[in-house]
Protein backbone atom coordinates (compact mmCIF):
# COMPACT_ATOMS: atom_id res chain seq x y z
CA UNK A 1 5.64 -24.32 0.32
CA UNK A 2 9.13 -23.26 -0.76
CA UNK A 3 10.57 -26.06 1.39
CA UNK A 4 8.76 -28.72 -0.62
CA UNK A 5 11.21 -30.68 -2.75
CA UNK A 6 11.23 -29.63 -6.43
CA UNK A 7 8.71 -26.79 -6.05
CA UNK A 8 11.29 -24.05 -6.74
CA UNK A 9 10.63 -20.35 -7.29
CA UNK A 10 8.81 -20.65 -10.62
CA UNK A 11 6.40 -23.37 -9.45
CA UNK A 12 5.91 -21.51 -6.16
CA UNK A 13 4.67 -18.44 -8.03
CA UNK A 14 2.55 -20.57 -10.40
CA UNK A 15 0.88 -22.28 -7.45
CA UNK A 16 0.17 -18.98 -5.69
CA UNK A 17 -1.45 -17.62 -8.85
CA UNK A 18 -3.67 -20.71 -9.05
CA UNK A 19 -4.57 -20.76 -5.35
CA UNK A 20 -5.07 -17.83 -3.03
CA UNK A 21 -2.58 -18.99 -0.39
CA UNK A 22 -0.04 -21.70 0.41
CA UNK A 23 -2.58 -23.15 2.85
CA UNK A 24 -4.94 -23.78 -0.06
CA UNK A 25 -2.13 -25.42 -2.04
CA UNK A 26 -1.52 -27.88 0.80
CA UNK A 27 -5.27 -28.53 1.08
CA UNK A 28 -5.69 -29.30 -2.63
CA UNK A 29 -5.99 -32.84 -3.91
CA UNK A 30 -3.21 -34.41 -5.96
CA UNK A 31 -5.42 -34.39 -9.02
CA UNK A 32 -6.21 -30.67 -8.61
CA UNK A 33 -2.51 -29.86 -8.21
CA UNK A 34 -1.57 -31.76 -11.37
CA UNK A 35 -3.89 -29.57 -13.44
CA UNK A 36 -1.53 -26.64 -12.75
CA UNK A 37 1.12 -26.12 -15.46
CA UNK A 38 4.50 -27.46 -14.35
CA UNK A 39 3.10 -29.53 -11.50
CA UNK A 40 3.28 -33.19 -12.39
CA UNK A 41 2.53 -36.26 -10.27
CA UNK A 42 5.89 -36.14 -8.45
CA UNK A 43 5.62 -32.50 -7.31
CA UNK A 44 1.95 -32.98 -6.42
CA UNK A 45 2.91 -36.00 -4.32
CA UNK A 46 5.74 -34.01 -2.67
CA UNK A 47 3.24 -31.31 -1.71
CA UNK A 48 0.64 -33.77 -0.44
CA UNK A 49 3.20 -35.73 1.62
CA UNK A 50 5.14 -32.76 3.04
CA UNK A 51 5.71 -33.32 6.75
CA UNK A 52 8.64 -31.10 7.81
CA UNK A 53 6.45 -28.62 9.69
CA UNK A 54 8.62 -28.70 12.83
CA UNK A 55 11.67 -27.75 10.77
CA UNK A 56 9.73 -24.80 9.31
CA UNK A 57 8.62 -23.67 12.76
CA UNK A 58 12.20 -23.91 14.02
CA UNK A 59 13.40 -21.76 11.09
CA UNK A 60 10.72 -19.14 11.75
CA UNK A 61 11.55 -19.09 15.48
CA UNK A 62 15.25 -18.68 14.70
CA UNK A 63 14.52 -15.87 12.25
CA UNK A 64 12.47 -14.03 14.86
CA UNK A 65 15.15 -14.59 17.51
CA UNK A 66 17.89 -12.96 15.40
CA UNK A 67 15.70 -10.10 14.15
CA UNK A 68 15.02 -11.29 10.61
CA UNK A 69 11.96 -10.08 8.74
CA UNK A 70 10.56 -12.21 5.96
CA UNK A 71 9.41 -9.96 3.11
CA UNK A 72 6.92 -11.56 0.71
CA UNK A 73 6.03 -10.65 -2.85
CA UNK A 74 2.91 -8.89 -1.54
CA UNK A 75 4.89 -6.59 0.74
CA UNK A 76 5.35 -3.06 -0.70
CA UNK A 77 8.98 -3.21 0.47
CA UNK A 78 9.73 -6.14 -1.87
CA UNK A 79 12.21 -4.70 -4.41
CA UNK A 80 10.19 -4.02 -7.56
CA UNK A 81 13.26 -4.26 -9.81
CA UNK A 82 13.74 -7.82 -8.62
CA UNK A 83 10.35 -8.70 -10.13
CA UNK A 84 11.88 -8.04 -13.57
CA UNK A 85 14.15 -11.08 -13.22
CA UNK A 86 13.11 -14.54 -14.34
CA UNK A 87 13.77 -16.44 -11.15
CA UNK A 88 12.97 -13.90 -8.44
CA UNK A 89 12.55 -15.42 -4.99
CA UNK A 90 9.05 -15.59 -3.48
CA UNK A 91 10.31 -13.96 -0.31
CA UNK A 92 13.42 -12.38 1.15
CA UNK A 93 15.05 -12.65 4.55
CA UNK A 94 15.97 -9.16 5.72
CA UNK A 95 17.87 -7.68 8.65
CA UNK A 96 17.65 -3.91 8.62
CA UNK A 97 15.32 -1.74 6.58
CA UNK A 98 14.09 -1.99 3.01
CA UNK A 99 12.19 1.02 1.72
CA UNK A 100 9.18 0.62 -0.61
CA UNK A 101 11.09 2.18 -3.48
CA UNK A 102 14.70 3.15 -3.68
CA UNK A 103 16.83 4.49 -6.48
CA UNK A 104 19.66 1.96 -6.46
CA UNK A 105 22.92 1.27 -8.23
CA UNK A 106 24.63 -2.10 -7.97
CA UNK A 107 28.40 -1.97 -7.69
CA UNK A 108 30.03 -5.39 -7.93
CA UNK A 109 33.38 -6.70 -9.04
CA UNK A 110 36.46 -8.74 -8.32
CA UNK A 111 37.21 -10.15 -4.91
CA UNK A 112 40.91 -9.76 -5.79
CA UNK A 113 40.62 -6.09 -6.69
CA UNK A 114 43.60 -3.82 -7.07
CA UNK A 115 44.22 -0.96 -4.67
CA UNK A 116 43.12 1.43 -7.41
CA UNK A 117 39.93 -0.59 -8.02
CA UNK A 118 38.98 -0.54 -4.34
CA UNK A 119 39.81 3.19 -4.04
CA UNK A 120 37.78 4.09 -7.13
CA UNK A 121 34.81 1.94 -6.11
CA UNK A 122 34.74 3.40 -2.60
CA UNK A 123 34.83 6.92 -4.05
CA UNK A 124 32.06 6.09 -6.54
CA UNK A 125 29.93 4.53 -3.77
CA UNK A 126 30.42 7.62 -1.60
CA UNK A 127 29.59 10.07 -4.41
CA UNK A 128 26.45 8.17 -5.43
CA UNK A 129 25.30 7.88 -1.81
CA UNK A 130 25.75 11.64 -1.38
CA UNK A 131 23.25 12.05 -4.25
CA UNK A 132 20.71 9.91 -2.37
CA UNK A 133 21.31 6.72 -4.35
CA UNK A 134 21.29 3.43 -2.47
CA UNK A 135 24.34 1.27 -3.13
CA UNK A 136 23.68 -2.46 -3.58
CA UNK A 137 26.46 -5.01 -3.53
CA UNK A 138 27.30 -8.46 -2.24
CA UNK A 139 29.43 -7.97 0.91
CA UNK A 140 32.24 -10.02 -0.68
CA UNK A 141 35.89 -9.10 -0.35
CA UNK A 142 37.29 -6.53 -2.75
CA UNK A 143 35.01 -4.32 -4.84
CA UNK A 144 31.78 -5.25 -3.01
CA UNK A 145 33.17 -4.28 0.41
CA UNK A 146 34.60 -1.05 -1.04
CA UNK A 147 31.18 -0.12 -2.48
CA UNK A 148 29.50 -0.59 0.92
CA UNK A 149 32.25 1.33 2.75
CA UNK A 150 31.90 4.22 0.32
CA UNK A 151 28.16 4.50 0.90
CA UNK A 152 28.64 4.31 4.66
CA UNK A 153 31.36 6.99 4.56
CA UNK A 154 28.73 9.34 3.14
CA UNK A 155 26.16 8.22 5.74
CA UNK A 156 24.21 6.84 2.79
CA UNK A 157 22.06 3.75 2.38
CA UNK A 158 23.53 0.46 1.30
CA UNK A 159 22.10 -3.02 0.86
CA UNK A 160 24.16 -6.21 0.98
CA UNK A 161 22.70 -9.12 -0.97
CA UNK A 162 24.14 -12.27 0.56
CA UNK A 163 24.87 -15.53 -1.20
CA UNK A 164 24.44 -17.34 2.11
CA UNK A 165 21.78 -17.61 4.78
CA UNK A 166 21.04 -14.31 6.45
CA UNK A 167 22.78 -15.38 9.66
CA UNK A 168 26.03 -16.40 7.92
CA UNK A 169 28.31 -13.47 7.20
CA UNK A 170 30.94 -14.33 4.63
CA UNK A 171 33.73 -13.48 4.57
CA UNK A 172 33.96 -13.48 8.39
CA UNK A 173 36.13 -10.35 8.41
CA UNK A 174 33.09 -8.41 7.14
CA UNK A 175 31.00 -8.99 10.28
CA UNK A 176 31.65 -5.43 11.51
CA UNK A 177 30.85 -4.04 8.04
CA UNK A 178 27.61 -6.06 8.02
CA UNK A 179 26.62 -4.57 11.39
CA UNK A 180 27.23 -1.05 10.01
CA UNK A 181 25.18 -1.83 6.90
CA UNK A 182 22.20 -2.87 9.04
CA UNK A 183 22.22 0.60 10.65
CA UNK A 184 22.00 2.37 7.26
CA UNK A 185 20.29 -0.19 5.07
CA UNK A 186 19.85 -3.93 5.08
CA UNK A 187 21.28 -7.38 4.72
CA UNK A 188 19.15 -9.41 2.30
CA UNK A 189 19.15 -13.06 1.34
CA UNK A 190 16.85 -15.44 -0.46
CA UNK A 191 18.30 -18.28 1.61
CA UNK A 192 16.99 -19.33 5.02
């Protein structure tokens, strides 16, 4: 359902509230779909004419092959704080382990951080992780990488939220860091 052109996160959630499952959405008539707020004739037609099932199967097979779990909104491991955002994704691609509830602190900042900025962030990440707080950042160069390294130095949990597909580590020099994060946390993306 999320692969249907113009459905988007908001319409995805609206459709799931109106129907009990994506299967029922695809089974609905165009007229029934258009009764749903935000679903006009074009989106209803896109749903009714969707035919990229092989592409979806290939994506699911690839996810399974590389060890990706797909966490849905109904999964107790779905981050509850994420539900407080306007455009939260209907599911997450995850490598590693998400816990049902974690006390988290996000540490993010410049990719072109100073030596002092990286040092301070790594120390802060380590100190917070020693207190049992999960460090969340973006795996980018600079402050994000320092935050993850700090948590890992304390054998603490850390979660990297990627701005790419789950199988694309960027920047490439962080591949080793990503592998370490998976051992003590998770890589997470909303992108296939």
